[in-house]
Amino acid sequence: MFAGSILSLLLTAGPGYPAPWRDQPHSEWVGRTVIMKATGTRFFRVNPDGSTTEAGVLTRTDYQVVREHDDRVLIKQDGTEGWINKADVALPEDGVAHFSKLIEMNPNDSAQFARRSKSNELKGDLDAALKDYDEAIRISPASSSWWNNRANLYQKSKNYERALEDYNKSIELNTGSAIVWGNRGNAHSYFRDYEKAIADYNEATRLNPQYTNSFVNRANVHREMGEYAKAEADYDAALKIDPTFAFALGQRGEMWRIRREYDKAAADITAAIRIDPRSAQSFLLRGNLRRSLKQYNLARDDYDHAIWLEPRLTAAFVERGRMYREQKQYDKTLADYDVALKQEPLSIMARLAKAELLATCPEDRIRDGAKAVELAKAAIERSRGPDGKALAVLAAALAEKGEFDEAIIQQQRALESKPYLADTASGKERLESFKAKRPIRE
C-alpha cells in the first residue's frame, strides 16, 4: 500500500540520522549548549570572501553550538545564528566556577546568579538552579525575566503549580512578553485547562506574530480537542514562518498519525529528525507512528532512543508501555507505567494510562478496580478543565469495581466532553456495555 513512499523509508531506517555537525565528531564544543559570560555580546557572520560582518547583539543567556573553527564557534537558537569568540561563553561544567567567582566579587548582581543557574541546569542540578533563581529574585524582585525563568525550572522539575504562580507574577510585572504568555499557556495545557491555554497562546501570537512556539503549542491543544482544521492551520502558520522548525514538523506529523494519514506523518517526522537528530521528542513521535503501523521492534528502538536522549521523559515510558500493552506484554507495560509515576508521581498522563490498564486488562492478575478508580480520580482532580479522556477511564474503572450506575454517569459525561479518547461510536459501545453490566476488556 505504501510501496515507494517515504513511509517505506521510515520503516527501514535506523534510529538516527547524521547530525549536521558530524564532520566534527571529537569536538568539545559542537552540539553543546553554552552560557554567555556577559550581556550585549555581539555576533557576526562570515561573508563569501572570508571577511566578517557584525550581525547584531545576543539577548539570550544560552545558545547551542553547531560548528567550531579555531577560537570561534557558530551558535544558533530561536532563529539567531552567528559566530562568536569562545572567550565570550562558558561550557556548563566551567560555568558554575566562573560565575561563582563573579558572584563573590559582587554578591548583589542578580544576572550572575541567573547565569550560574543556567550552568547548574545544564549540568542536571535543578535544585541548585532553583536556589540561584531564588537569590536572583531576592536581589531583583521586579525582574519579570527572573520570575519567568524560575517558572521554567519549576516546570522542568514537574512542579507545575509553582510554575503557574511564577508565570502569573512575571506577567503581572510585564504584560508585553509573548514568551511568558506562551509559557503560561503551556502550564495551563499541562493541567488540561485548554480554554485558558488557548487564551494565553492567542495573546502570545498577538504580541509577536512571528513567535512560532505559540502557534505550535496552540495547534497541539486544538489537536487534543479533535479540532484538526484549526490545528493544521496553526502548524502551517509556524512552518510558513520557519520551514525548518523541527518541533512544528514533528507535532504536525503526530496530528497526521492520529488522523491515519501515515505518509504525511512519516514525511514530517522524518524531516524533524533530520533537522534535529538530538530531539528525544521527535524519536518518541516516530515511535508512536511505527506503533500505529504495528512495527513494534522499530517503535521500541525509537522509544529506547528517546529515553537514552532524555532519561526523564515521562511520555516515552508511557508510550512504550502502551506499545507493550498492544503486544499483550502486560508486565512490561506495568513496569514502564511505574517508572513514569516514580519519575513524575503527579503525572496525569501516567496515572490515566495505569488506571486504564488496571481497569480493562484481560488478565485477572493485573486488574485492580479500586486502584484504577483511585488513580483516575487523582488525575481528574489534577486536571483543571473538562477532560473526556479521564472521565472515560474513570468510567471503565468504576465498571471494573462493579459500580455500573456511576460508570454510566461518567461515560455519559465523557461523551459530552472534549477531548474524548475514543471515537463517538466506540464511546457509545462502552456505554451500552455498562448498561448491560459488562466491564471493558481490551
Protein backbone atom coordinates (compact mmCIF):
# COMPACT_ATOMS: atom_id res chain seq x y z
CA MET A 1 0.00 0.00 0.00
CA PHE A 2 2.85 2.36 0.80
CA ALA A 3 5.45 0.96 -1.59
CA GLY A 4 7.76 3.61 -2.95
CA SER A 5 6.61 6.22 -0.47
CA ILE A 6 8.56 7.98 2.24
CA LEU A 7 6.81 5.62 4.64
CA SER A 8 8.86 2.72 3.31
CA LEU A 9 12.00 4.69 4.19
CA LEU A 10 10.67 5.27 7.67
CA LEU A 11 10.06 1.58 8.28
CA THR A 12 13.56 0.51 7.30
CA ALA A 13 15.64 3.37 8.68
CA GLY A 14 17.63 3.01 11.86
CA PRO A 15 17.00 5.12 14.93
CA GLY A 16 19.02 8.15 13.85
CA TYR A 17 20.29 10.32 11.05
CA PRO A 18 23.62 12.09 10.62
CA ALA A 19 23.74 15.32 12.59
CA PRO A 20 24.84 18.48 10.76
CA TRP A 21 27.95 18.63 12.96
CA ARG A 22 29.08 15.03 12.48
CA ASP A 23 32.02 16.25 10.44
CA GLN A 24 33.50 17.26 13.82
CA PRO A 25 32.85 14.13 15.92
CA HIS A 26 35.51 14.84 18.53
CA SER A 27 34.71 18.50 19.12
CA GLU A 28 34.40 19.59 22.74
CA TRP A 29 32.03 22.33 21.64
CA VAL A 30 29.80 21.19 18.78
CA GLY A 31 26.36 20.03 19.87
CA ARG A 32 26.78 21.63 23.32
CA THR A 33 24.83 24.43 24.95
CA VAL A 34 26.98 27.33 26.12
CA ILE A 35 26.26 30.18 28.53
CA MET A 36 27.03 33.79 27.67
CA LYS A 37 29.50 35.37 30.08
CA ALA A 38 28.04 38.85 29.68
CA THR A 39 25.02 40.65 28.25
CA GLY A 40 25.27 42.55 25.00
CA THR A 41 27.75 40.22 23.30
CA ARG A 42 27.89 40.93 19.58
CA PHE A 43 27.89 38.20 16.98
CA PHE A 44 28.98 38.28 13.35
CA ARG A 45 28.59 36.46 10.05
CA VAL A 46 31.29 35.32 7.65
CA ASN A 47 30.99 36.67 4.11
CA PRO A 48 31.80 34.59 1.00
CA ASP A 49 35.13 36.42 0.64
CA GLY A 50 36.14 35.45 4.20
CA SER A 51 35.51 38.86 5.73
CA THR A 52 33.14 39.27 8.68
CA THR A 53 30.11 41.48 9.22
CA GLU A 54 28.64 42.34 12.60
CA ALA A 55 25.13 40.86 12.69
CA GLY A 56 23.67 42.01 15.99
CA VAL A 57 23.58 41.63 19.77
CA LEU A 58 22.80 38.35 21.55
CA THR A 59 19.94 38.58 24.05
CA ARG A 60 19.67 35.03 25.44
CA THR A 61 21.62 33.50 28.31
CA ASP A 62 22.38 30.29 26.42
CA TYR A 63 22.91 29.13 22.84
CA GLN A 64 23.61 25.87 21.03
CA VAL A 65 26.92 25.41 19.22
CA VAL A 66 26.58 23.97 15.71
CA ARG A 67 30.13 24.49 14.37
CA GLU A 68 33.63 25.24 15.64
CA HIS A 69 36.60 26.91 13.96
CA ASP A 70 39.80 27.78 15.82
CA ASP A 71 38.86 30.22 18.60
CA ARG A 72 35.31 30.76 17.38
CA VAL A 73 32.01 28.87 17.50
CA LEU A 74 28.86 29.17 15.42
CA ILE A 75 25.85 29.44 17.73
CA LYS A 76 22.18 29.03 16.88
CA GLN A 77 18.96 29.42 18.84
CA ASP A 78 15.45 30.72 18.15
CA GLY A 79 16.27 31.96 14.66
CA THR A 80 19.54 33.67 15.65
CA GLU A 81 22.72 32.32 14.07
CA GLY A 82 26.22 33.74 14.07
CA TRP A 83 29.85 33.39 15.09
CA ILE A 84 31.24 34.44 18.46
CA ASN A 85 34.56 34.06 20.25
CA LYS A 86 34.95 31.11 22.60
CA ALA A 87 36.20 33.51 25.24
CA ASP A 88 32.71 35.07 25.39
CA VAL A 89 30.98 31.86 26.51
CA ALA A 90 31.31 29.13 29.13
CA LEU A 91 30.61 25.42 28.86
CA PRO A 92 28.24 24.19 31.62
CA GLU A 93 30.97 22.33 33.52
CA ASP A 94 33.07 25.50 33.61
CA GLY A 95 30.21 27.93 34.10
CA VAL A 96 29.47 27.19 37.76
CA ALA A 97 33.02 28.01 38.88
CA HIS A 98 33.27 31.02 36.54
CA PHE A 99 30.03 32.65 37.68
CA SER A 100 30.66 31.76 41.35
CA LYS A 101 33.81 33.86 41.22
CA LEU A 102 31.84 36.77 39.78
CA ILE A 103 29.21 36.37 42.50
CA GLU A 104 31.93 36.50 45.16
CA MET A 105 33.14 39.76 43.65
CA ASN A 106 29.61 41.22 43.53
CA PRO A 107 27.01 39.22 45.51
CA ASN A 108 24.24 41.65 44.52
CA ASP A 109 24.49 41.02 40.78
CA SER A 110 21.35 39.00 40.04
CA ALA A 111 22.43 38.37 36.43
CA GLN A 112 25.37 36.26 37.59
CA PHE A 113 23.04 34.12 39.70
CA ALA A 114 20.88 33.67 36.60
CA ARG A 115 23.88 32.57 34.52
CA ARG A 116 25.09 30.20 37.23
CA SER A 117 21.55 28.82 37.40
CA LYS A 118 21.69 28.00 33.71
CA SER A 119 25.04 26.27 34.20
CA ASN A 120 23.59 24.19 37.05
CA GLU A 121 20.51 23.37 34.99
CA LEU A 122 22.59 22.15 32.05
CA LYS A 123 24.64 20.02 34.46
CA GLY A 124 21.37 18.45 35.66
CA ASP A 125 21.31 20.02 39.14
CA LEU A 126 17.83 21.56 39.14
CA ASP A 127 17.81 22.12 42.90
CA ALA A 128 20.92 24.29 42.70
CA ALA A 129 19.50 26.05 39.64
CA LEU A 130 16.31 26.91 41.53
CA LYS A 131 18.26 28.19 44.54
CA ASP A 132 20.19 30.52 42.24
CA TYR A 133 16.96 31.97 40.91
CA ASP A 134 15.66 32.35 44.46
CA GLU A 135 18.66 34.60 45.04
CA ALA A 136 18.26 36.42 41.73
CA ILE A 137 14.63 37.21 42.59
CA ARG A 138 15.54 38.24 46.13
CA ILE A 139 18.02 40.74 44.69
CA SER A 140 15.81 41.91 41.77
CA PRO A 141 12.16 41.14 42.63
CA ALA A 142 10.90 43.42 39.86
CA SER A 143 12.57 41.39 37.10
CA SER A 144 9.86 39.72 35.06
CA SER A 145 12.50 37.59 33.32
CA TRP A 146 13.74 36.05 36.57
CA TRP A 147 10.20 35.00 37.58
CA ASN A 148 9.66 33.52 34.12
CA ASN A 149 12.96 31.66 34.18
CA ARG A 150 12.33 30.22 37.64
CA ALA A 151 8.90 29.13 36.42
CA ASN A 152 10.59 27.30 33.55
CA LEU A 153 12.76 25.46 36.08
CA TYR A 154 9.73 24.56 38.19
CA GLN A 155 8.04 23.24 35.06
CA LYS A 156 11.15 21.23 34.16
CA SER A 157 11.19 19.76 37.68
CA LYS A 158 7.49 18.83 37.30
CA ASN A 159 6.28 21.37 39.89
CA TYR A 160 3.58 22.84 37.68
CA GLU A 161 1.67 24.61 40.45
CA ARG A 162 4.71 26.70 41.41
CA ALA A 163 5.45 27.28 37.73
CA LEU A 164 1.98 28.71 37.19
CA GLU A 165 2.38 31.02 40.20
CA ASP A 166 5.68 32.36 38.86
CA TYR A 167 4.32 32.87 35.35
CA ASN A 168 1.42 34.85 36.84
CA LYS A 169 3.92 37.06 38.70
CA SER A 170 6.04 37.51 35.57
CA ILE A 171 3.02 38.66 33.56
CA GLU A 172 1.97 40.96 36.39
CA LEU A 173 5.37 42.66 36.12
CA ASN A 174 5.43 42.72 32.31
CA THR A 175 2.31 42.16 30.23
CA GLY A 176 4.17 42.62 26.95
CA SER A 177 6.25 39.43 26.74
CA ALA A 178 4.96 36.93 24.19
CA ILE A 179 7.34 34.31 25.58
CA VAL A 180 5.86 34.47 29.09
CA TRP A 181 2.28 34.34 27.82
CA GLY A 182 3.22 31.30 25.76
CA ASN A 183 4.95 29.66 28.71
CA ARG A 184 1.93 30.17 30.93
CA GLY A 185 -0.20 28.67 28.18
CA ASN A 186 1.98 25.56 28.40
CA ALA A 187 1.32 25.33 32.15
CA HIS A 188 -2.43 25.64 31.59
CA SER A 189 -2.17 22.99 28.88
CA TYR A 190 -0.45 20.60 31.30
CA PHE A 191 -3.43 20.94 33.64
CA ARG A 192 -5.71 20.38 30.62
CA ASP A 193 -7.27 23.77 31.14
CA TYR A 194 -7.43 24.21 27.40
CA GLU A 195 -9.62 27.32 27.30
CA LYS A 196 -7.09 29.28 29.36
CA ALA A 197 -4.19 27.80 27.40
CA ILE A 198 -5.63 28.95 24.08
CA ALA A 199 -6.31 32.43 25.51
CA ASP A 200 -2.64 32.72 26.52
CA TYR A 201 -1.40 31.45 23.17
CA ASN A 202 -3.69 33.94 21.43
CA GLU A 203 -2.11 36.76 23.41
CA ALA A 204 1.39 35.48 22.69
CA THR A 205 0.78 35.39 18.93
CA ARG A 206 -0.88 38.82 19.06
CA LEU A 207 2.16 40.29 20.80
CA ASN A 208 4.57 38.55 18.44
CA PRO A 209 3.07 37.23 15.18
CA GLN A 210 6.43 35.56 14.41
CA TYR A 211 6.51 33.53 17.65
CA THR A 212 6.38 30.04 16.20
CA ASN A 213 6.33 28.17 19.52
CA SER A 214 2.94 29.55 20.46
CA PHE A 215 1.46 28.63 17.07
CA VAL A 216 2.64 25.04 17.56
CA ASN A 217 1.53 24.79 21.18
CA ARG A 218 -1.88 26.21 20.32
CA ALA A 219 -2.09 23.69 17.49
CA ASN A 220 -1.32 20.89 19.96
CA VAL A 221 -4.25 21.97 22.14
CA HIS A 222 -6.58 22.04 19.12
CA ARG A 223 -5.28 18.59 18.19
CA GLU A 224 -6.03 17.26 21.68
CA MET A 225 -9.57 18.61 21.36
CA GLY A 226 -10.07 16.97 17.98
CA GLU A 227 -10.15 20.34 16.19
CA TYR A 228 -7.85 19.22 13.40
CA ALA A 229 -8.56 22.00 10.90
CA LYS A 230 -7.54 24.62 13.45
CA ALA A 231 -4.50 22.56 14.43
CA GLU A 232 -3.39 22.19 10.83
CA ALA A 233 -3.75 25.92 10.23
CA ASP A 234 -1.53 26.73 13.22
CA TYR A 235 1.14 24.17 12.28
CA ASP A 236 1.18 25.55 8.75
CA ALA A 237 1.46 29.11 10.08
CA ALA A 238 4.51 28.17 12.17
CA LEU A 239 6.16 26.40 9.23
CA LYS A 240 5.47 29.31 6.92
CA ILE A 241 7.50 31.47 9.33
CA ASP A 242 10.23 28.82 9.71
CA PRO A 243 10.09 25.86 7.30
CA THR A 244 12.91 24.13 9.19
CA PHE A 245 11.23 24.27 12.62
CA ALA A 246 11.66 20.66 13.74
CA PHE A 247 9.22 20.97 16.65
CA ALA A 248 6.43 22.08 14.31
CA LEU A 249 7.18 19.34 11.79
CA GLY A 250 7.15 16.63 14.44
CA GLN A 251 3.93 17.80 16.06
CA ARG A 252 2.17 18.16 12.71
CA GLY A 253 3.35 14.63 11.96
CA GLU A 254 1.69 13.43 15.16
CA MET A 255 -1.55 15.04 14.01
CA TRP A 256 -1.30 13.20 10.67
CA ARG A 257 -0.69 9.96 12.60
CA ILE A 258 -3.80 10.45 14.71
CA ARG A 259 -5.75 11.11 11.51
CA ARG A 260 -4.20 7.95 9.99
CA GLU A 261 -2.57 9.86 7.16
CA TYR A 262 0.61 7.90 7.63
CA ASP A 263 2.55 9.05 4.57
CA LYS A 264 2.20 12.68 5.65
CA ALA A 265 3.11 11.74 9.21
CA ALA A 266 6.24 9.93 8.03
CA ALA A 267 7.34 12.86 5.86
CA ASP A 268 7.03 15.39 8.67
CA ILE A 269 8.58 13.31 11.45
CA THR A 270 11.44 12.13 9.24
CA ALA A 271 12.19 15.74 8.33
CA ALA A 272 12.10 16.73 12.02
CA ILE A 273 14.68 14.07 12.92
CA ARG A 274 16.95 15.05 10.05
CA ILE A 275 16.88 18.67 11.18
CA ASP A 276 17.41 17.89 14.86
CA PRO A 277 18.65 14.33 15.46
CA ARG A 278 19.10 15.02 19.18
CA SER A 279 15.41 15.67 19.85
CA ALA A 280 14.00 12.97 22.15
CA GLN A 281 10.51 14.21 21.34
CA SER A 282 10.91 13.51 17.63
CA PHE A 283 12.01 9.92 18.26
CA LEU A 284 9.06 9.50 20.62
CA LEU A 285 6.72 10.67 17.88
CA ARG A 286 8.30 8.34 15.33
CA GLY A 287 7.86 5.52 17.85
CA ASN A 288 4.16 6.38 18.03
CA LEU A 289 3.91 6.26 14.24
CA ARG A 290 5.70 2.92 13.99
CA ARG A 291 3.48 1.56 16.75
CA SER A 292 0.40 2.61 14.79
CA LEU A 293 1.79 0.65 11.86
CA LYS A 294 2.44 -2.43 14.07
CA GLN A 295 6.19 -2.02 13.51
CA TYR A 296 6.82 -2.86 17.15
CA ASN A 297 10.54 -3.62 17.04
CA LEU A 298 11.27 -0.35 15.28
CA ALA A 299 8.91 1.51 17.61
CA ARG A 300 10.72 0.08 20.63
CA ASP A 301 14.05 1.21 19.17
CA ASP A 302 12.70 4.75 18.87
CA TYR A 303 11.25 4.80 22.39
CA ASP A 304 14.53 3.43 23.75
CA HIS A 305 16.47 6.09 21.86
CA ALA A 306 14.17 8.84 23.14
CA ILE A 307 14.78 7.65 26.71
CA TRP A 308 18.52 7.49 26.07
CA LEU A 309 18.46 11.10 24.88
CA GLU A 310 16.19 12.27 27.72
CA PRO A 311 16.03 9.72 30.56
CA ARG A 312 13.32 11.61 32.46
CA LEU A 313 10.93 11.92 29.51
CA THR A 314 7.79 10.59 31.18
CA ALA A 315 5.83 10.37 27.95
CA ALA A 316 8.38 7.99 26.42
CA PHE A 317 7.86 5.46 29.21
CA VAL A 318 4.09 5.79 28.94
CA GLU A 319 4.04 5.38 25.17
CA ARG A 320 6.45 2.44 25.29
CA GLY A 321 4.18 0.92 27.92
CA ARG A 322 1.22 1.34 25.58
CA MET A 323 3.18 -0.44 22.87
CA TYR A 324 3.86 -3.37 25.22
CA ARG A 325 0.16 -3.41 26.07
CA GLU A 326 -0.76 -3.76 22.40
CA GLN A 327 1.63 -6.71 22.32
CA LYS A 328 -0.08 -8.16 25.41
CA GLN A 329 3.16 -7.90 27.40
CA TYR A 330 1.35 -6.62 30.46
CA ASP A 331 4.18 -6.96 32.97
CA LYS A 332 6.40 -4.76 30.81
CA THR A 333 3.51 -2.33 30.41
CA LEU A 334 3.06 -2.07 34.15
CA ALA A 335 6.81 -1.67 34.68
CA ASP A 336 7.01 1.29 32.29
CA TYR A 337 3.97 2.97 33.83
CA ASP A 338 5.50 2.53 37.28
CA VAL A 339 8.80 4.11 36.13
CA ALA A 340 6.84 7.04 34.71
CA LEU A 341 4.99 7.50 38.00
CA LYS A 342 8.16 7.17 40.04
CA GLN A 343 9.76 9.93 37.98
CA GLU A 344 6.63 12.10 37.94
CA PRO A 345 4.20 10.93 40.66
CA LEU A 346 1.57 13.54 39.78
CA SER A 347 1.61 12.92 36.02
CA ILE A 348 -1.92 12.98 34.65
CA MET A 349 -0.85 11.02 31.58
CA ALA A 350 0.85 8.24 33.57
CA ARG A 351 -1.95 8.00 36.12
CA LEU A 352 -4.58 7.57 33.42
CA ALA A 353 -2.51 5.04 31.47
CA LYS A 354 -2.03 2.84 34.54
CA ALA A 355 -5.64 3.28 35.64
CA GLU A 356 -6.90 2.10 32.25
CA LEU A 357 -4.63 -0.94 32.34
CA LEU A 358 -5.80 -1.88 35.85
CA ALA A 359 -9.43 -1.40 34.80
CA THR A 360 -9.53 -3.18 31.44
CA CYS A 361 -6.64 -5.68 31.18
CA PRO A 362 -7.85 -9.14 30.06
CA GLU A 363 -5.61 -10.81 32.67
CA ASP A 364 -7.22 -11.08 36.10
CA ARG A 365 -3.89 -10.85 37.93
CA ILE A 366 -3.27 -7.37 36.54
CA ARG A 367 -6.69 -5.81 37.16
CA ASP A 368 -7.36 -3.78 40.28
CA GLY A 369 -10.57 -1.79 40.07
CA ALA A 370 -10.14 0.04 43.36
CA LYS A 371 -6.62 1.23 42.48
CA ALA A 372 -7.79 2.18 38.99
CA VAL A 373 -10.56 4.36 40.43
CA GLU A 374 -8.07 5.98 42.81
CA LEU A 375 -5.65 6.82 40.00
CA ALA A 376 -8.37 8.09 37.65
CA LYS A 377 -9.92 10.32 40.32
CA ALA A 378 -6.49 11.72 41.21
CA ALA A 379 -5.86 12.55 37.54
CA ILE A 380 -9.26 14.25 37.21
CA GLU A 381 -8.66 16.24 40.39
CA ARG A 382 -5.37 17.50 38.96
CA SER A 383 -6.97 18.44 35.63
CA ARG A 384 -8.38 21.96 35.67
CA GLY A 385 -10.61 21.63 32.65
CA PRO A 386 -13.28 19.18 31.44
CA ASP A 387 -11.44 16.03 30.36
CA GLY A 388 -13.37 13.43 28.42
CA LYS A 389 -10.38 11.10 28.26
CA ALA A 390 -10.04 10.99 32.04
CA LEU A 391 -13.77 10.58 32.56
CA ALA A 392 -13.81 7.59 30.18
CA VAL A 393 -11.00 5.94 32.14
CA LEU A 394 -12.84 6.58 35.40
CA ALA A 395 -16.00 5.03 33.93
CA ALA A 396 -14.08 1.88 32.97
CA ALA A 397 -12.51 1.71 36.44
CA LEU A 398 -15.90 2.06 38.13
CA ALA A 399 -17.30 -0.71 35.94
CA GLU A 400 -14.41 -2.97 36.97
CA LYS A 401 -15.40 -2.32 40.59
CA GLY A 402 -18.98 -3.25 39.75
CA GLU A 403 -20.30 0.31 40.20
CA PHE A 404 -22.13 0.34 36.88
CA ASP A 405 -24.63 3.10 37.65
CA GLU A 406 -21.81 5.55 38.38
CA ALA A 407 -19.86 4.21 35.38
CA ILE A 408 -22.83 5.07 33.13
CA ILE A 409 -22.92 8.62 34.52
CA GLN A 410 -19.21 9.18 33.97
CA GLN A 411 -19.27 7.67 30.47
CA GLN A 412 -22.14 9.96 29.50
CA ARG A 413 -20.13 12.91 30.81
CA ALA A 414 -17.13 11.71 28.80
CA LEU A 415 -19.14 11.62 25.58
CA GLU A 416 -20.26 15.20 26.19
CA SER A 417 -16.72 16.48 26.90
CA LYS A 418 -13.65 17.38 24.86
CA PRO A 419 -11.29 15.77 24.29
CA TYR A 420 -12.61 12.22 24.23
CA LEU A 421 -10.15 9.34 23.87
CA ALA A 422 -12.20 7.09 21.60
CA ASP A 423 -14.43 7.89 18.67
CA THR A 424 -18.09 8.51 19.45
CA ALA A 425 -19.22 5.11 18.21
CA SER A 426 -16.73 3.32 20.44
CA GLY A 427 -17.76 5.51 23.37
CA LYS A 428 -21.40 4.61 22.87
CA GLU A 429 -20.48 0.92 22.73
CA ARG A 430 -18.82 1.30 26.12
CA LEU A 431 -21.92 2.97 27.46
CA GLU A 432 -24.08 0.07 26.30
CA SER A 433 -21.66 -2.38 27.93
CA PHE A 434 -22.02 -0.61 31.24
CA LYS A 435 -25.80 -0.63 30.91
CA ALA A 436 -25.56 -4.39 30.40
CA LYS A 437 -23.29 -4.58 33.50
CA ARG A 438 -20.28 -5.70 31.46
CA PRO A 439 -16.83 -4.25 32.27
CA ILE A 440 -14.38 -3.43 29.49
CA ARG A 441 -11.74 -5.96 28.46
CA GLU A 442 -9.13 -4.82 25.95
